[in-house]
Amino acid sequence: MENGTKMKNKIKVFRAMHDLTQEALAQELGVTRQTILAIEKGKYDPSISLAFRIARRFGVTIEDVFTYEEGS
């Protein structure tokens, strides 16, 4: 990410816990599988709206799914 910041996430972990494929999660959230893939790999940061929808889908807080780290 830019300016030494990095957003990490645990979407893959939560998908595994709920036995969901990227495609199934994407369909539930109204996005493409490629969007889920890009978020999981840290190549794309979701909108705050999508981040809330992801967290709500798994019944957790945004902070449980996403962490924000500032670089040095």
Protein backbone atom coordinates (compact mmCIF):
# COMPACT_ATOMS: atom_id res chain seq x y z
CA MET A 1 0.00 0.00 0.00
CA GLU A 2 1.05 3.60 -0.30
CA ASN A 3 2.87 5.69 2.31
CA GLY A 4 4.10 2.65 4.22
CA THR A 5 0.63 1.51 5.28
CA LYS A 6 -0.73 -1.97 4.95
CA MET A 7 -4.16 -3.45 5.49
CA LYS A 8 -4.16 -7.11 6.51
CA ASN A 9 -7.17 -9.36 6.72
CA LYS A 10 -8.34 -12.78 7.85
CA ILE A 11 -11.01 -13.33 5.21
CA LYS A 12 -9.47 -16.62 4.10
CA VAL A 13 -9.52 -17.88 7.70
CA PHE A 14 -13.15 -16.89 8.19
CA ARG A 15 -14.11 -18.44 4.85
CA ALA A 16 -12.50 -21.71 5.93
CA MET A 17 -14.27 -21.62 9.29
CA HIS A 18 -17.60 -21.18 7.48
CA ASP A 19 -16.76 -23.57 4.63
CA LEU A 20 -17.21 -20.86 1.98
CA THR A 21 -15.50 -20.54 -1.37
CA GLN A 22 -14.41 -17.17 -2.71
CA GLU A 23 -17.20 -17.46 -5.28
CA ALA A 24 -19.90 -18.18 -2.68
CA LEU A 25 -18.81 -15.27 -0.48
CA ALA A 26 -18.61 -12.96 -3.48
CA GLN A 27 -22.15 -13.85 -4.54
CA GLU A 28 -23.49 -13.23 -1.03
CA LEU A 29 -21.78 -9.83 -0.92
CA GLY A 30 -22.64 -8.79 -4.48
CA VAL A 31 -19.05 -8.57 -5.69
CA THR A 32 -16.89 -10.66 -8.00
CA ARG A 33 -14.68 -13.56 -6.95
CA GLN A 34 -11.73 -11.51 -8.21
CA THR A 35 -12.61 -8.79 -5.69
CA ILE A 36 -12.49 -11.28 -2.82
CA LEU A 37 -9.21 -12.69 -4.15
CA ALA A 38 -7.65 -9.22 -4.44
CA ILE A 39 -8.74 -8.28 -0.89
CA GLU A 40 -7.40 -11.55 0.54
CA LYS A 41 -4.03 -11.03 -1.16
CA GLY A 42 -3.80 -7.43 0.08
CA LYS A 43 -3.86 -6.00 -3.42
CA TYR A 44 -7.13 -4.14 -2.87
CA ASP A 45 -8.60 -2.45 0.19
CA PRO A 46 -12.38 -2.77 0.39
CA SER A 47 -14.68 0.19 0.82
CA ILE A 48 -15.85 0.72 4.39
CA SER A 49 -19.30 -0.48 3.31
CA LEU A 50 -17.90 -3.73 1.93
CA ALA A 51 -15.70 -4.20 5.00
CA PHE A 52 -18.80 -3.91 7.22
CA ARG A 53 -20.71 -6.39 5.03
CA ILE A 54 -17.84 -8.88 5.21
CA ALA A 55 -17.63 -8.59 8.99
CA ARG A 56 -21.40 -8.87 9.41
CA ARG A 57 -21.48 -11.96 7.17
CA PHE A 58 -19.19 -13.70 9.63
CA GLY A 59 -20.86 -12.22 12.73
CA VAL A 60 -17.74 -10.38 13.89
CA THR A 61 -16.43 -6.82 14.05
CA ILE A 62 -14.40 -5.17 11.30
CA GLU A 63 -11.40 -5.28 13.62
CA ASP A 64 -11.73 -9.06 13.84
CA VAL A 65 -11.35 -9.31 10.06
CA PHE A 66 -9.13 -6.34 9.16
CA THR A 67 -6.05 -4.85 10.76
CA TYR A 68 -4.32 -1.67 9.70
CA GLU A 69 -0.60 -1.31 10.18
CA GLU A 70 1.48 1.78 9.63
CA GLY A 71 4.94 1.30 8.21
CA SER A 72 8.11 2.92 9.42
